[in-house]
Amino acid sequence: MAAGYAPDLNPTEALWSQTKYSDMANFVPNDTLDLEVEVTFDLETTQGDQKMLKSFFHAAELSI
């Protein structure tokens, strides 16, 4: 039996949402390499923001 999936409880979903809809909202890549570079840059920038990362867990109502 397959387990259910609850994206609201997954902090990674909040990270991807932030990356797609905020950090890259108006980004139009020229090719897949351009997209990869931008995604990597945005994720590495977020990685350095501990307050934001903790907010993803808080929004998911998970204890750290």
C-alpha atoms as a PDB file:
ATOM      1  CA  MET A   1       0.000   0.000   0.000  1.00  0.00           C
ATOM      2  CA  ALA A   2       1.421   3.384  -0.979  1.00  0.00           C
ATOM      3  CA  ALA A   3       1.750   6.057   1.669  1.00  0.00           C
ATOM      4  CA  GLY A   4       0.003   9.378   1.152  1.00  0.00           C
ATOM      5  CA  TYR A   5       1.950  12.502   0.348  1.00  0.00           C
ATOM      6  CA  ALA A   6       1.401  15.717   2.296  1.00  0.00           C
ATOM      7  CA  PRO A   7       3.304  18.557   0.568  1.00  0.00           C
ATOM      8  CA  ASP A   8       2.194  21.001   3.286  1.00  0.00           C
ATOM      9  CA  LEU A   9       4.329  19.021   5.750  1.00  0.00           C
ATOM     10  CA  ASN A  10       7.408  18.951   3.515  1.00  0.00           C
ATOM     11  CA  PRO A  11       9.813  21.896   4.023  1.00  0.00           C
ATOM     12  CA  THR A  12      11.385  21.145   0.635  1.00  0.00           C
ATOM     13  CA  GLU A  13       8.136  22.167  -1.059  1.00  0.00           C
ATOM     14  CA  ALA A  14       8.419  25.609   0.557  1.00  0.00           C
ATOM     15  CA  LEU A  15      12.016  25.881  -0.656  1.00  0.00           C
ATOM     16  CA  TRP A  16      11.031  25.069  -4.251  1.00  0.00           C
ATOM     17  CA  SER A  17       8.086  27.433  -4.065  1.00  0.00           C
ATOM     18  CA  GLN A  18      10.363  30.249  -2.879  1.00  0.00           C
ATOM     19  CA  THR A  19      12.872  29.473  -5.628  1.00  0.00           C
ATOM     20  CA  LYS A  20      10.327  29.198  -8.457  1.00  0.00           C
ATOM     21  CA  TYR A  21       7.820  31.895  -7.592  1.00  0.00           C
ATOM     22  CA  SER A  22       9.994  34.489  -5.887  1.00  0.00           C
ATOM     23  CA  ASP A  23      13.696  34.175  -6.685  1.00  0.00           C
ATOM     24  CA  MET A  24      13.147  33.197 -10.337  1.00  0.00           C
ATOM     25  CA  ALA A  25       9.763  34.833 -10.950  1.00  0.00           C
ATOM     26  CA  ASN A  26      10.814  36.779 -14.053  1.00  0.00           C
ATOM     27  CA  PHE A  27      13.803  34.707 -15.110  1.00  0.00           C
ATOM     28  CA  VAL A  28      13.783  33.456 -18.712  1.00  0.00           C
ATOM     29  CA  PRO A  29      16.704  31.113 -19.425  1.00  0.00           C
ATOM     30  CA  ASN A  30      18.381  31.007 -22.813  1.00  0.00           C
ATOM     31  CA  ASP A  31      19.025  27.269 -22.474  1.00  0.00           C
ATOM     32  CA  THR A  32      19.165  24.477 -19.902  1.00  0.00           C
ATOM     33  CA  LEU A  33      22.680  25.429 -18.800  1.00  0.00           C
ATOM     34  CA  ASP A  34      21.491  28.974 -18.088  1.00  0.00           C
ATOM     35  CA  LEU A  35      18.613  27.512 -16.048  1.00  0.00           C
ATOM     36  CA  GLU A  36      20.951  25.219 -14.114  1.00  0.00           C
ATOM     37  CA  VAL A  37      23.292  28.090 -13.252  1.00  0.00           C
ATOM     38  CA  GLU A  38      20.416  30.268 -12.004  1.00  0.00           C
ATOM     39  CA  VAL A  39      18.790  27.508  -9.943  1.00  0.00           C
ATOM     40  CA  THR A  40      22.150  26.631  -8.387  1.00  0.00           C
ATOM     41  CA  PHE A  41      22.831  30.284  -7.565  1.00  0.00           C
ATOM     42  CA  ASP A  42      19.401  30.787  -6.003  1.00  0.00           C
ATOM     43  CA  LEU A  43      19.606  27.596  -3.923  1.00  0.00           C
ATOM     44  CA  GLU A  44      23.108  28.448  -2.708  1.00  0.00           C
ATOM     45  CA  THR A  45      21.907  31.933  -1.764  1.00  0.00           C
ATOM     46  CA  THR A  46      19.007  30.462   0.193  1.00  0.00           C
ATOM     47  CA  GLN A  47      21.366  27.964   1.824  1.00  0.00           C
ATOM     48  CA  GLY A  48      23.142  30.885   3.478  1.00  0.00           C
ATOM     49  CA  ASP A  49      19.918  32.308   4.907  1.00  0.00           C
ATOM     50  CA  GLN A  50      19.341  30.260   8.053  1.00  0.00           C
ATOM     51  CA  LYS A  51      16.347  32.363   9.098  1.00  0.00           C
ATOM     52  CA  MET A  52      14.574  31.593   5.824  1.00  0.00           C
ATOM     53  CA  LEU A  53      15.419  27.893   6.010  1.00  0.00           C
ATOM     54  CA  LYS A  54      14.000  27.693   9.519  1.00  0.00           C
ATOM     55  CA  SER A  55      10.840  29.429   8.283  1.00  0.00           C
ATOM     56  CA  PHE A  56      10.252  26.547   5.849  1.00  0.00           C
ATOM     57  CA  PHE A  57      10.208  24.122   8.795  1.00  0.00           C
ATOM     58  CA  HIS A  58       8.034  26.472  10.831  1.00  0.00           C
ATOM     59  CA  ALA A  59       5.510  26.742   7.977  1.00  0.00           C
ATOM     60  CA  ALA A  60       5.441  22.950   7.736  1.00  0.00           C
ATOM     61  CA  GLU A  61       4.758  22.822  11.484  1.00  0.00           C
ATOM     62  CA  LEU A  62       7.647  20.401  12.010  1.00  0.00           C
ATOM     63  CA  SER A  63       9.867  20.562  15.051  1.00  0.00           C
ATOM     64  CA  ILE A  64      13.543  21.207  14.414  1.00  0.00           C
END
